[in-house]
Amino acid sequence: MARIAIIGAGGWGTALGIVAGRAGHDVRLWSRNKAIVDEINREHVNSIYLAPHPVPESVTATGDIGEALRRAEIVILAVPSHTARTTLRRIRPYWQAEMLLVSATKGIEIETGKRISEITRDIIGGGFTPRFVCLSGPSFAQEVAAGQPTAIVAASVEAPDRLLAQSALSFRNLRIYTNGDVVGTELGGALKNVMAIGAGMIAGLGLGSNSVAALVTRGLAEMVRFALTQGARAETLMGLAGLGDLVLTCTGSLSRNRYVGQELGRGRRLEEVLGGMREVAEGVHTTRAFKTLAARFGIEMPITNEVYAVLYEARSAHEAAEQLMARPLRGEFEGTEL
């Protein structure tokens, strides 16, 4: 049994807490929301983000981040990417070098383009390299909490760290694989959200399966093209953190990013769509970051550019689809090592 702190009590953080609690671990779930903390401790449910799934009694909630981290062996970061730096700063005074940080956050920082592992080194590192694992892959929180079979991946440059995360968090319906490619795993988990917004636009326009298949396939090529320039391995993008998560997020009805794209395709305004959502659609922020990075590194990312144009330049989803189809003809594998 391990002492596990989960920082963030949204749907995914709560689902991981439920799995860890079922596995017999001592879990402390931190939230800024007092109502969530009180409800988990009193009713053993998080009705705001993960109703109706019961939270095991071995999981307790707290609004005190120091209390959550006290004697923790594994710390799971499950907050939106745009709050990662601020949250890590709150964690830093309580950090012990032996703690293992498991990032369940999918996204990159808009202002810097940094991945969560890089932000962690910025904030937590100081005379030592923080132990870090990226946890990613195709996983809707509702389905994990409901006990449906799910496979994800734990990535770390250090084999003992990824094996620890694998053994601690794998339980019954949650099967965790491992790899050593943190860069590819982080980028796959972030970029697929951009593509999911595009897939949602297709649905919102009323287009069919041909269009979705084209978007997913060319979206994967775009993901690989970018990731390879950052030192990722192509096989990582073919695995759970890339293709697996891409297919889920582009086709699943529980995908928040797909929902945003779908509503934009139907003609709704972005502010209106986001205003009615309880949780963050990471792809909205991530699109901005990847468009900037693509320009910086000279990487061709046409789907990302069109998603950006719809989100931030008032282009219609119909116009974006026309722009993609009107691009110059080319070979399928140009610019990749596929």
Protein backbone atom coordinates (compact mmCIF):
# COMPACT_ATOMS: atom_id res chain seq x y z
CA MET A 1 0.00 0.00 0.00
CA ALA A 2 1.29 3.44 -0.94
CA ARG A 3 0.43 6.93 0.26
CA ILE A 4 -0.82 8.77 -2.82
CA ALA A 5 -1.65 12.47 -3.14
CA ILE A 6 -3.82 13.55 -6.06
CA ILE A 7 -3.69 17.26 -6.82
CA GLY A 8 -6.91 18.14 -8.60
CA ALA A 9 -10.37 16.68 -8.03
CA GLY A 10 -11.87 17.05 -11.47
CA GLY A 11 -13.16 14.03 -13.34
CA TRP A 12 -9.79 12.44 -14.14
CA GLY A 13 -8.20 13.14 -10.75
CA THR A 14 -11.24 11.68 -9.00
CA ALA A 15 -11.27 8.63 -11.29
CA LEU A 16 -7.61 7.94 -10.54
CA GLY A 17 -8.38 8.36 -6.85
CA ILE A 18 -11.18 5.82 -7.13
CA VAL A 19 -8.91 3.28 -8.84
CA ALA A 20 -6.10 3.85 -6.32
CA GLY A 21 -8.57 3.55 -3.45
CA ARG A 22 -9.97 0.30 -4.83
CA ALA A 23 -6.39 -0.99 -5.05
CA GLY A 24 -6.02 -0.41 -1.31
CA HIS A 25 -3.82 2.69 -1.33
CA ASP A 26 -4.13 5.53 1.17
CA VAL A 27 -5.27 8.41 -1.03
CA ARG A 28 -5.52 12.13 -0.30
CA LEU A 29 -7.42 14.10 -2.94
CA TRP A 30 -6.83 17.86 -2.98
CA SER A 31 -9.33 20.40 -4.29
CA ARG A 32 -9.73 24.16 -3.97
CA ASN A 33 -13.50 23.65 -3.95
CA LYS A 34 -14.74 23.25 -0.37
CA ALA A 35 -18.05 21.81 -1.56
CA ILE A 36 -16.23 19.00 -3.37
CA VAL A 37 -14.02 18.30 -0.36
CA ASP A 38 -16.99 18.17 2.00
CA GLU A 39 -19.07 15.98 -0.31
CA ILE A 40 -16.31 13.42 -0.86
CA ASN A 41 -15.63 13.16 2.87
CA ARG A 42 -19.30 13.09 3.84
CA GLU A 43 -21.08 11.33 0.96
CA HIS A 44 -18.14 9.55 -0.75
CA VAL A 45 -19.05 10.93 -4.17
CA ASN A 46 -17.99 13.81 -6.40
CA SER A 47 -21.35 14.74 -7.88
CA ILE A 48 -19.97 17.81 -9.70
CA TYR A 49 -17.42 15.97 -11.83
CA LEU A 50 -17.95 12.22 -11.55
CA ALA A 51 -21.47 11.30 -10.47
CA PRO A 52 -22.71 8.71 -9.67
CA HIS A 53 -19.55 6.69 -9.03
CA PRO A 54 -18.81 6.08 -5.33
CA VAL A 55 -15.45 7.14 -3.92
CA PRO A 56 -13.84 4.47 -1.68
CA GLU A 57 -13.57 5.24 2.01
CA SER A 58 -9.78 4.96 1.75
CA VAL A 59 -9.90 8.20 -0.28
CA THR A 60 -10.22 11.39 1.73
CA ALA A 61 -10.36 14.93 0.41
CA THR A 62 -8.69 18.07 1.72
CA GLY A 63 -8.40 21.72 0.82
CA ASP A 64 -4.96 21.89 2.47
CA ILE A 65 -2.29 21.08 -0.10
CA GLY A 66 0.32 20.53 2.59
CA GLU A 67 -1.92 17.95 4.26
CA ALA A 68 -2.47 16.20 0.94
CA LEU A 69 1.29 15.94 0.36
CA ARG A 70 2.25 14.90 3.89
CA ARG A 71 4.21 11.60 3.72
CA ALA A 72 3.11 11.09 0.10
CA GLU A 73 5.18 8.67 -1.94
CA ILE A 74 3.40 9.29 -5.24
CA VAL A 75 1.95 12.68 -6.22
CA ILE A 76 -0.46 12.73 -9.16
CA LEU A 77 -0.87 16.10 -10.86
CA ALA A 78 -4.36 16.24 -12.40
CA VAL A 79 -5.00 19.93 -13.06
CA PRO A 80 -5.56 21.86 -16.32
CA SER A 81 -2.30 22.58 -18.09
CA HIS A 82 -2.70 26.36 -17.86
CA THR A 83 -2.68 26.08 -14.05
CA ALA A 84 0.20 23.60 -13.83
CA ARG A 85 2.93 26.14 -13.11
CA THR A 86 0.91 27.88 -10.39
CA THR A 87 -0.04 24.57 -8.81
CA LEU A 88 3.53 23.29 -8.84
CA ARG A 89 4.62 26.48 -7.09
CA ARG A 90 2.12 25.68 -4.33
CA ILE A 91 3.49 22.15 -4.12
CA ARG A 92 7.17 23.16 -4.05
CA PRO A 93 7.49 24.06 -0.31
CA TYR A 94 6.31 20.57 0.66
CA TRP A 95 8.29 18.61 -1.91
CA GLN A 96 10.66 15.86 -0.88
CA ALA A 97 13.29 14.56 -3.30
CA GLU A 98 12.09 10.96 -2.94
CA MET A 99 8.53 11.78 -4.07
CA LEU A 100 7.43 10.60 -7.52
CA LEU A 101 5.43 13.10 -9.58
CA VAL A 102 2.97 11.45 -11.97
CA SER A 103 1.55 13.95 -14.43
CA ALA A 104 -1.99 13.19 -15.57
CA THR A 105 -2.22 16.63 -17.19
CA LYS A 106 -2.47 16.73 -20.99
CA GLY A 107 -1.37 19.98 -22.54
CA ILE A 108 1.48 22.46 -22.87
CA GLU A 109 2.00 25.95 -21.51
CA ILE A 110 0.76 28.64 -23.88
CA GLU A 111 3.26 31.34 -22.91
CA THR A 112 6.40 29.17 -23.09
CA GLY A 113 5.43 26.12 -25.14
CA LYS A 114 6.87 23.95 -22.38
CA ARG A 115 5.65 20.48 -21.58
CA ILE A 116 4.62 19.53 -18.02
CA SER A 117 7.91 17.70 -17.45
CA GLU A 118 9.82 20.87 -18.35
CA ILE A 119 7.67 23.03 -16.08
CA THR A 120 8.22 20.51 -13.29
CA ARG A 121 11.98 20.81 -13.68
CA ASP A 122 11.65 24.60 -13.62
CA ILE A 123 9.66 24.68 -10.39
CA ILE A 124 10.44 21.53 -8.41
CA GLY A 125 14.02 21.04 -9.52
CA GLY A 126 16.65 22.88 -7.56
CA GLY A 127 19.80 20.94 -6.92
CA PHE A 128 18.16 17.69 -8.04
CA THR A 129 16.16 16.25 -10.94
CA PRO A 130 12.57 15.51 -9.89
CA ARG A 131 11.32 11.98 -10.38
CA PHE A 132 8.74 12.28 -13.15
CA VAL A 133 6.26 10.05 -14.96
CA CYS A 134 3.81 11.08 -17.67
CA LEU A 135 0.53 9.16 -17.51
CA SER A 136 -1.41 9.34 -20.78
CA GLY A 137 -3.56 7.38 -23.20
CA PRO A 138 -7.19 6.80 -24.19
CA SER A 139 -9.15 7.20 -20.98
CA PHE A 140 -12.50 8.82 -20.28
CA ALA A 141 -12.83 9.31 -16.53
CA GLN A 142 -16.45 8.15 -16.46
CA GLU A 143 -15.59 4.83 -18.08
CA VAL A 144 -12.58 4.21 -15.84
CA ALA A 145 -14.65 4.88 -12.73
CA ALA A 146 -17.40 2.61 -14.08
CA GLY A 147 -14.92 -0.29 -14.23
CA GLN A 148 -14.68 -0.52 -18.00
CA PRO A 149 -11.40 -2.01 -19.36
CA THR A 150 -8.92 0.76 -20.12
CA ALA A 151 -5.27 0.73 -21.23
CA ILE A 152 -2.94 3.71 -20.82
CA VAL A 153 0.82 4.29 -20.62
CA ALA A 154 3.29 5.52 -17.98
CA ALA A 155 6.38 7.14 -19.50
CA SER A 156 9.60 8.02 -17.72
CA VAL A 157 13.26 8.19 -18.64
CA GLU A 158 13.94 6.21 -15.46
CA ALA A 159 12.72 2.61 -15.63
CA PRO A 160 12.17 2.20 -11.85
CA ASP A 161 9.89 5.26 -11.81
CA ARG A 162 7.66 4.13 -14.65
CA LEU A 163 7.50 0.62 -13.19
CA LEU A 164 6.47 2.05 -9.81
CA ALA A 165 3.64 4.04 -11.39
CA GLN A 166 2.60 0.99 -13.38
CA SER A 167 2.44 -1.33 -10.38
CA ALA A 168 0.79 1.20 -8.06
CA LEU A 169 -1.98 2.37 -10.39
CA SER A 170 -2.78 -0.73 -12.45
CA PHE A 171 -5.81 -2.44 -10.94
CA ARG A 172 -8.54 -4.63 -12.39
CA ASN A 173 -9.96 -2.57 -15.27
CA LEU A 174 -7.02 -0.15 -15.56
CA ARG A 175 -4.02 -1.68 -17.33
CA ILE A 176 -0.89 0.46 -17.58
CA TYR A 177 1.92 -0.13 -20.07
CA THR A 178 5.30 1.64 -19.90
CA ASN A 179 7.72 3.36 -22.24
CA GLY A 180 10.79 5.57 -21.97
CA ASP A 181 9.65 8.35 -24.32
CA VAL A 182 8.37 11.20 -22.15
CA VAL A 183 8.52 13.72 -25.01
CA GLY A 184 6.39 11.64 -27.38
CA THR A 185 3.93 10.67 -24.67
CA GLU A 186 3.41 14.27 -23.56
CA LEU A 187 3.10 15.62 -27.09
CA GLY A 188 0.69 12.88 -28.15
CA GLY A 189 -1.58 13.63 -25.20
CA ALA A 190 -1.57 17.33 -26.00
CA LEU A 191 -1.79 17.35 -29.80
CA LYS A 192 -4.67 14.88 -30.02
CA ASN A 193 -6.89 17.50 -28.35
CA VAL A 194 -6.31 19.90 -31.24
CA MET A 195 -7.27 17.19 -33.72
CA ALA A 196 -10.35 16.32 -31.68
CA ILE A 197 -11.66 19.88 -32.07
CA GLY A 198 -11.24 19.43 -35.82
CA ALA A 199 -13.07 16.09 -35.71
CA GLY A 200 -15.87 17.73 -33.77
CA MET A 201 -16.20 20.39 -36.45
CA ILE A 202 -16.71 17.63 -39.00
CA ALA A 203 -19.53 16.21 -36.89
CA GLY A 204 -21.05 19.65 -36.42
CA LEU A 205 -21.04 20.21 -40.17
CA GLY A 206 -22.97 16.98 -40.63
CA LEU A 207 -20.18 15.30 -42.61
CA GLY A 208 -19.71 11.55 -42.57
CA SER A 209 -17.24 8.78 -41.79
CA ASN A 210 -14.98 9.46 -44.77
CA SER A 211 -14.26 12.93 -43.47
CA VAL A 212 -13.59 11.73 -39.91
CA ALA A 213 -11.21 9.02 -41.13
CA ALA A 214 -9.31 11.54 -43.23
CA LEU A 215 -9.02 13.95 -40.30
CA VAL A 216 -7.81 11.28 -37.87
CA THR A 217 -5.24 9.88 -40.31
CA ARG A 218 -3.85 13.20 -41.46
CA GLY A 219 -4.02 14.46 -37.89
CA LEU A 220 -1.80 11.59 -36.81
CA ALA A 221 0.68 12.45 -39.58
CA GLU A 222 0.74 16.02 -38.31
CA MET A 223 1.30 14.85 -34.73
CA VAL A 224 4.20 12.61 -35.81
CA ARG A 225 5.75 15.34 -37.95
CA PHE A 226 5.83 17.73 -35.01
CA ALA A 227 6.86 15.22 -32.36
CA LEU A 228 9.83 13.90 -34.34
CA THR A 229 11.35 17.37 -34.49
CA GLN A 230 11.25 17.48 -30.68
CA GLY A 231 13.08 14.19 -30.22
CA ALA A 232 10.10 11.86 -29.82
CA ARG A 233 9.98 8.34 -31.21
CA ALA A 234 7.54 7.57 -34.02
CA GLU A 235 6.39 4.33 -32.37
CA THR A 236 5.17 6.28 -29.34
CA LEU A 237 2.75 8.18 -31.57
CA MET A 238 1.56 4.85 -33.00
CA GLY A 239 0.74 3.61 -29.50
CA LEU A 240 -1.67 4.38 -26.67
CA ALA A 241 -0.46 7.93 -26.08
CA GLY A 242 -0.77 8.82 -29.75
CA LEU A 243 -3.08 6.87 -32.04
CA GLY A 244 -5.06 5.34 -29.17
CA ASP A 245 -5.85 8.65 -27.50
CA LEU A 246 -6.42 10.33 -30.88
CA VAL A 247 -9.07 7.82 -31.94
CA LEU A 248 -10.85 8.02 -28.58
CA THR A 249 -10.89 11.80 -28.41
CA CYS A 250 -11.90 12.30 -32.04
CA THR A 251 -14.77 9.80 -31.99
CA GLY A 252 -15.97 9.45 -28.37
CA SER A 253 -19.14 11.20 -27.28
CA LEU A 254 -17.56 12.00 -23.87
CA SER A 255 -14.75 14.06 -25.45
CA ARG A 256 -14.87 17.68 -24.33
CA ASN A 257 -12.64 18.81 -27.19
CA ARG A 258 -14.77 17.05 -29.78
CA TYR A 259 -17.82 18.70 -28.23
CA VAL A 260 -16.27 22.16 -28.61
CA GLY A 261 -15.53 21.51 -32.27
CA GLN A 262 -18.99 20.07 -32.87
CA GLU A 263 -20.70 23.14 -31.46
CA LEU A 264 -18.44 25.44 -33.48
CA GLY A 265 -19.32 23.43 -36.58
CA ARG A 266 -22.99 24.07 -35.80
CA GLY A 267 -22.30 27.80 -35.80
CA ARG A 268 -22.12 28.61 -32.09
CA ARG A 269 -19.59 31.13 -30.75
CA LEU A 270 -16.59 29.84 -28.80
CA GLU A 271 -17.34 31.97 -25.73
CA GLU A 272 -20.87 30.61 -25.60
CA VAL A 273 -19.69 27.00 -25.88
CA LEU A 274 -16.99 27.32 -23.20
CA GLY A 275 -19.32 29.23 -20.90
CA GLY A 276 -21.58 26.22 -20.63
CA MET A 277 -18.82 23.73 -19.83
CA ARG A 278 -17.83 22.58 -16.35
CA GLU A 279 -14.39 21.21 -17.21
CA VAL A 280 -11.59 22.55 -19.40
CA ALA A 281 -11.27 21.57 -23.07
CA GLU A 282 -7.48 21.54 -23.21
CA GLY A 283 -7.33 21.77 -26.99
CA VAL A 284 -8.62 25.34 -27.01
CA HIS A 285 -5.49 26.57 -25.22
CA THR A 286 -3.16 23.97 -26.73
CA THR A 287 -4.00 25.02 -30.29
CA ARG A 288 -2.55 28.46 -29.63
CA ALA A 289 0.63 27.02 -28.20
CA PHE A 290 1.22 24.55 -31.03
CA LYS A 291 0.56 27.14 -33.73
CA THR A 292 3.26 29.32 -32.18
CA LEU A 293 5.68 26.40 -31.86
CA ALA A 294 5.04 25.23 -35.41
CA ALA A 295 5.91 28.69 -36.72
CA ARG A 296 9.02 28.81 -34.52
CA PHE A 297 10.33 25.48 -35.78
CA GLY A 298 9.08 25.79 -39.36
CA ILE A 299 6.80 22.75 -39.14
CA GLU A 300 3.84 22.37 -41.49
CA MET A 301 0.66 21.83 -39.43
CA PRO A 302 -2.33 22.62 -41.67
CA ILE A 303 -5.03 21.09 -39.44
CA THR A 304 -3.73 22.97 -36.41
CA ASN A 305 -3.70 26.19 -38.45
CA GLU A 306 -7.32 25.74 -39.53
CA VAL A 307 -8.51 24.84 -36.04
CA TYR A 308 -6.75 27.98 -34.80
CA ALA A 309 -8.43 30.08 -37.49
CA VAL A 310 -11.87 28.86 -36.40
CA LEU A 311 -11.14 29.34 -32.70
CA TYR A 312 -9.45 32.73 -32.88
CA GLU A 313 -9.89 34.32 -36.31
CA ALA A 314 -13.63 33.95 -36.87
CA ARG A 315 -13.22 31.51 -39.76
CA SER A 316 -16.20 29.19 -40.14
CA ALA A 317 -15.76 25.44 -39.86
CA HIS A 318 -17.04 25.11 -43.43
CA GLU A 319 -14.38 27.51 -44.69
CA ALA A 320 -11.69 25.63 -42.75
CA ALA A 321 -12.71 22.34 -44.36
CA GLU A 322 -12.58 23.95 -47.80
CA GLN A 323 -9.11 25.35 -47.10
CA LEU A 324 -7.79 21.91 -46.14
CA MET A 325 -9.24 20.26 -49.23
CA ALA A 326 -7.84 22.99 -51.52
CA ARG A 327 -4.23 22.57 -50.39
CA PRO A 328 -1.66 21.60 -53.07
CA LEU A 329 -1.49 17.88 -53.77
CA ARG A 330 1.47 15.99 -52.28
CA GLY A 331 2.85 12.58 -51.39
CA GLU A 332 1.29 10.93 -48.34
CA PHE A 333 4.47 10.53 -46.31
CA GLU A 334 6.30 13.72 -47.19
CA GLY A 335 7.83 15.35 -44.11
CA THR A 336 7.57 12.28 -41.88
CA GLU A 337 9.53 9.11 -41.23
CA LEU A 338 6.43 6.92 -41.37
